[in-house]
C-alpha cells in the first residue's frame, strides 16, 4: 500500500495525506464494484494496510460507496 501512495505522490505532486485519501477512495470504489472474492485478492495484493488505511475502515467506505451505486 505504501508503494502505491509513494507512486501517487511522485506522479501527481500531491501530499502523502492526499495520496492516502485518494488511494483509500479508489480501493473502496474497486471493492464495491468487484465480486467479494476478488476484493479479498485486492487486499492481499496491497498488503495488510489495505484493510484499514490510516485508521479508515474500508468495510464502511465500501458500504457507503455501494449505497451510492445502488448496492445495499
N, C-alpha and C. Protein backbone atom coordinates (compact mmCIF):
# COMPACT_ATOMS: atom_id res chain seq x y z
N UNK A 1 0.81 -1.19 0.00
CA UNK A 1 0.00 0.00 0.00
C UNK A 1 0.86 1.26 0.00
N UNK A 2 1.90 1.22 0.81
CA UNK A 2 2.78 2.39 0.88
C UNK A 2 3.42 2.68 -0.47
N UNK A 3 3.73 1.62 -1.22
CA UNK A 3 4.31 1.82 -2.56
C UNK A 3 3.33 2.56 -3.47
N UNK A 4 2.06 2.19 -3.38
CA UNK A 4 1.03 2.87 -4.17
C UNK A 4 0.95 4.35 -3.80
N UNK A 5 0.97 4.63 -2.51
CA UNK A 5 0.90 6.01 -2.04
C UNK A 5 2.11 6.80 -2.53
N UNK A 6 3.29 6.21 -2.45
CA UNK A 6 4.50 6.89 -2.93
C UNK A 6 4.42 7.19 -4.42
N UNK A 7 3.87 6.25 -5.20
CA UNK A 7 3.75 6.48 -6.64
C UNK A 7 2.74 7.59 -6.93
N UNK A 8 1.66 7.63 -6.19
CA UNK A 8 0.67 8.70 -6.38
C UNK A 8 1.31 10.05 -6.08
N UNK A 9 2.05 10.13 -4.98
CA UNK A 9 2.73 11.38 -4.61
C UNK A 9 3.71 11.78 -5.71
N UNK A 10 4.50 10.81 -6.17
CA UNK A 10 5.52 11.08 -7.17
C UNK A 10 4.92 11.55 -8.50
N UNK A 11 3.85 10.92 -8.91
CA UNK A 11 3.28 11.22 -10.23
C UNK A 11 2.35 12.43 -10.24
N UNK A 12 1.81 12.78 -9.07
CA UNK A 12 0.86 13.88 -9.06
C UNK A 12 1.36 15.12 -8.33
N UNK A 13 2.32 14.92 -7.42
CA UNK A 13 2.84 16.05 -6.65
C UNK A 13 1.96 16.44 -5.48
N UNK A 14 0.92 15.64 -5.19
CA UNK A 14 0.07 15.94 -4.03
C UNK A 14 0.74 15.42 -2.76
N UNK A 15 0.24 15.85 -1.62
CA UNK A 15 0.84 15.43 -0.35
C UNK A 15 0.55 13.95 -0.09
N UNK A 16 1.31 13.40 0.86
CA UNK A 16 1.13 11.99 1.22
C UNK A 16 -0.28 11.77 1.79
N UNK A 17 -0.75 12.69 2.59
CA UNK A 17 -2.11 12.56 3.15
C UNK A 17 -3.17 12.56 2.05
N UNK A 18 -3.00 13.44 1.08
CA UNK A 18 -3.95 13.49 -0.04
C UNK A 18 -3.87 12.21 -0.86
N UNK A 19 -2.66 11.71 -1.06
CA UNK A 19 -2.48 10.47 -1.82
C UNK A 19 -3.10 9.29 -1.08
N UNK A 20 -2.96 9.27 0.24
CA UNK A 20 -3.57 8.21 1.04
C UNK A 20 -5.09 8.26 0.91
N UNK A 21 -5.65 9.47 0.94
CA UNK A 21 -7.09 9.62 0.76
C UNK A 21 -7.54 9.17 -0.62
N UNK A 22 -6.77 9.52 -1.62
CA UNK A 22 -7.11 9.11 -2.99
C UNK A 22 -7.06 7.59 -3.12
N UNK A 23 -6.01 6.98 -2.57
CA UNK A 23 -5.87 5.53 -2.64
C UNK A 23 -7.03 4.85 -1.91
N UNK A 24 -7.39 5.38 -0.75
CA UNK A 24 -8.50 4.82 0.02
C UNK A 24 -9.79 4.87 -0.78
N UNK A 25 -10.02 5.99 -1.43
CA UNK A 25 -11.23 6.16 -2.23
C UNK A 25 -11.27 5.17 -3.39
N UNK A 26 -10.16 5.06 -4.10
CA UNK A 26 -10.10 4.17 -5.26
C UNK A 26 -10.25 2.71 -4.83
N UNK A 27 -9.57 2.32 -3.77
CA UNK A 27 -9.66 0.94 -3.31
C UNK A 27 -11.08 0.63 -2.85
N UNK A 28 -11.68 1.55 -2.12
CA UNK A 28 -13.07 1.35 -1.71
C UNK A 28 -14.01 1.22 -2.89
N UNK A 29 -13.80 2.05 -3.89
CA UNK A 29 -14.62 2.00 -5.10
C UNK A 29 -14.47 0.65 -5.79
N UNK A 30 -13.22 0.21 -5.95
CA UNK A 30 -12.98 -1.07 -6.61
C UNK A 30 -13.60 -2.22 -5.85
N UNK A 31 -13.45 -2.21 -4.53
CA UNK A 31 -14.01 -3.28 -3.73
C UNK A 31 -15.52 -3.30 -3.78
N UNK A 32 -16.14 -2.14 -3.92
CA UNK A 32 -17.60 -2.08 -4.03
C UNK A 32 -18.08 -2.61 -5.37
N UNK A 33 -17.28 -2.45 -6.39
CA UNK A 33 -17.67 -2.86 -7.74
C UNK A 33 -17.31 -4.30 -8.06
N UNK A 34 -16.25 -4.81 -7.45
CA UNK A 34 -15.76 -6.15 -7.75
C UNK A 34 -16.45 -7.19 -6.89
N UNK A 35 -16.53 -8.43 -7.37
CA UNK A 35 -17.05 -9.50 -6.52
C UNK A 35 -16.20 -9.64 -5.26
N UNK A 36 -16.82 -10.08 -4.16
CA UNK A 36 -16.12 -10.17 -2.88
C UNK A 36 -14.85 -11.01 -2.97
N UNK A 37 -14.89 -12.09 -3.74
CA UNK A 37 -13.72 -12.96 -3.84
C UNK A 37 -12.53 -12.21 -4.45
N UNK A 38 -12.79 -11.33 -5.36
CA UNK A 38 -11.71 -10.55 -5.96
C UNK A 38 -11.27 -9.43 -5.02
N UNK A 39 -12.20 -8.87 -4.26
CA UNK A 39 -11.86 -7.85 -3.28
C UNK A 39 -10.86 -8.37 -2.27
N UNK A 40 -10.99 -9.64 -1.89
CA UNK A 40 -10.03 -10.26 -0.98
C UNK A 40 -8.65 -10.33 -1.59
N UNK A 41 -8.59 -10.61 -2.88
CA UNK A 41 -7.30 -10.64 -3.57
C UNK A 41 -6.70 -9.24 -3.63
N UNK A 42 -7.54 -8.24 -3.76
CA UNK A 42 -7.07 -6.86 -3.77
C UNK A 42 -6.41 -6.52 -2.44
N UNK A 43 -7.06 -6.91 -1.33
CA UNK A 43 -6.47 -6.70 -0.01
C UNK A 43 -5.11 -7.38 0.09
N UNK A 44 -5.04 -8.61 -0.39
CA UNK A 44 -3.78 -9.36 -0.33
C UNK A 44 -2.69 -8.69 -1.15
N UNK A 45 -3.05 -8.22 -2.34
CA UNK A 45 -2.07 -7.60 -3.22
C UNK A 45 -1.53 -6.30 -2.64
N UNK A 46 -2.38 -5.58 -1.92
CA UNK A 46 -1.97 -4.30 -1.35
C UNK A 46 -1.35 -4.44 0.03
N UNK A 47 -1.41 -5.62 0.60
CA UNK A 47 -0.84 -5.84 1.92
C UNK A 47 -1.86 -5.55 3.00
N UNK A 48 -1.48 -5.78 4.22
CA UNK A 48 -2.41 -5.65 5.34
C UNK A 48 -2.90 -4.23 5.53
N UNK A 49 -2.17 -3.25 5.03
CA UNK A 49 -2.60 -1.86 5.19
C UNK A 49 -3.88 -1.57 4.43
N UNK A 50 -4.21 -2.40 3.45
CA UNK A 50 -5.43 -2.15 2.67
C UNK A 50 -6.68 -2.37 3.49
N UNK A 51 -6.61 -3.19 4.52
CA UNK A 51 -7.78 -3.48 5.33
C UNK A 51 -8.24 -2.29 6.15
N UNK A 52 -7.30 -1.49 6.62
CA UNK A 52 -7.68 -0.33 7.44
C UNK A 52 -6.65 0.77 7.21
N UNK A 53 -6.79 1.47 6.14
CA UNK A 53 -5.85 2.51 5.75
C UNK A 53 -5.90 3.69 6.70
N UNK A 54 -4.80 3.95 7.33
CA UNK A 54 -4.72 5.14 8.18
C UNK A 54 -5.88 5.26 9.14
N UNK A 55 -6.35 4.14 9.66
CA UNK A 55 -7.45 4.17 10.59
C UNK A 55 -8.81 4.21 9.92
N UNK A 56 -8.84 4.20 8.60
CA UNK A 56 -10.11 4.21 7.88
C UNK A 56 -10.51 2.77 7.61
N UNK A 57 -11.70 2.40 8.04
CA UNK A 57 -12.21 1.06 7.83
C UNK A 57 -12.77 0.97 6.41
N UNK A 58 -12.10 0.20 5.56
CA UNK A 58 -12.55 0.12 4.17
C UNK A 58 -13.90 -0.58 4.05
N UNK A 59 -14.25 -1.39 5.03
CA UNK A 59 -15.57 -2.00 5.00
C UNK A 59 -16.66 -0.95 5.01
N UNK A 60 -16.51 0.06 5.85
CA UNK A 60 -17.53 1.11 5.90
C UNK A 60 -17.46 1.99 4.66
N UNK A 61 -16.26 2.23 4.16
CA UNK A 61 -16.13 3.00 2.92
C UNK A 61 -16.80 2.25 1.78
N UNK A 62 -16.54 0.94 1.71
CA UNK A 62 -17.13 0.12 0.66
C UNK A 62 -18.65 0.14 0.75
N UNK A 63 -19.18 0.02 1.97
CA UNK A 63 -20.64 0.07 2.16
C UNK A 63 -21.20 1.39 1.68
N UNK A 64 -20.56 2.46 2.05
CA UNK A 64 -21.03 3.78 1.65
C UNK A 64 -21.01 3.94 0.14
N UNK A 65 -19.93 3.52 -0.47
CA UNK A 65 -19.83 3.63 -1.92
C UNK A 65 -20.83 2.72 -2.60
N UNK A 66 -21.03 1.54 -2.03
CA UNK A 66 -22.03 0.62 -2.60
C UNK A 66 -23.40 1.25 -2.61
N UNK A 67 -23.73 1.98 -1.53
CA UNK A 67 -25.01 2.68 -1.46
C UNK A 67 -25.15 3.72 -2.55
N UNK A 68 -24.05 4.39 -2.83
CA UNK A 68 -24.07 5.41 -3.87
C UNK A 68 -24.35 4.81 -5.25
N UNK A 69 -23.93 3.56 -5.43
CA UNK A 69 -24.07 2.92 -6.74
C UNK A 69 -25.21 1.91 -6.77
N UNK A 70 -26.14 2.04 -5.80
CA UNK A 70 -27.32 1.20 -5.83
C UNK A 70 -27.20 -0.13 -5.13
N UNK A 71 -26.05 -0.44 -4.56
CA UNK A 71 -25.89 -1.69 -3.82
C UNK A 71 -26.24 -1.45 -2.37
N UNK A 72 -26.70 -2.49 -1.69
CA UNK A 72 -27.02 -2.37 -0.27
C UNK A 72 -26.29 -3.38 0.53
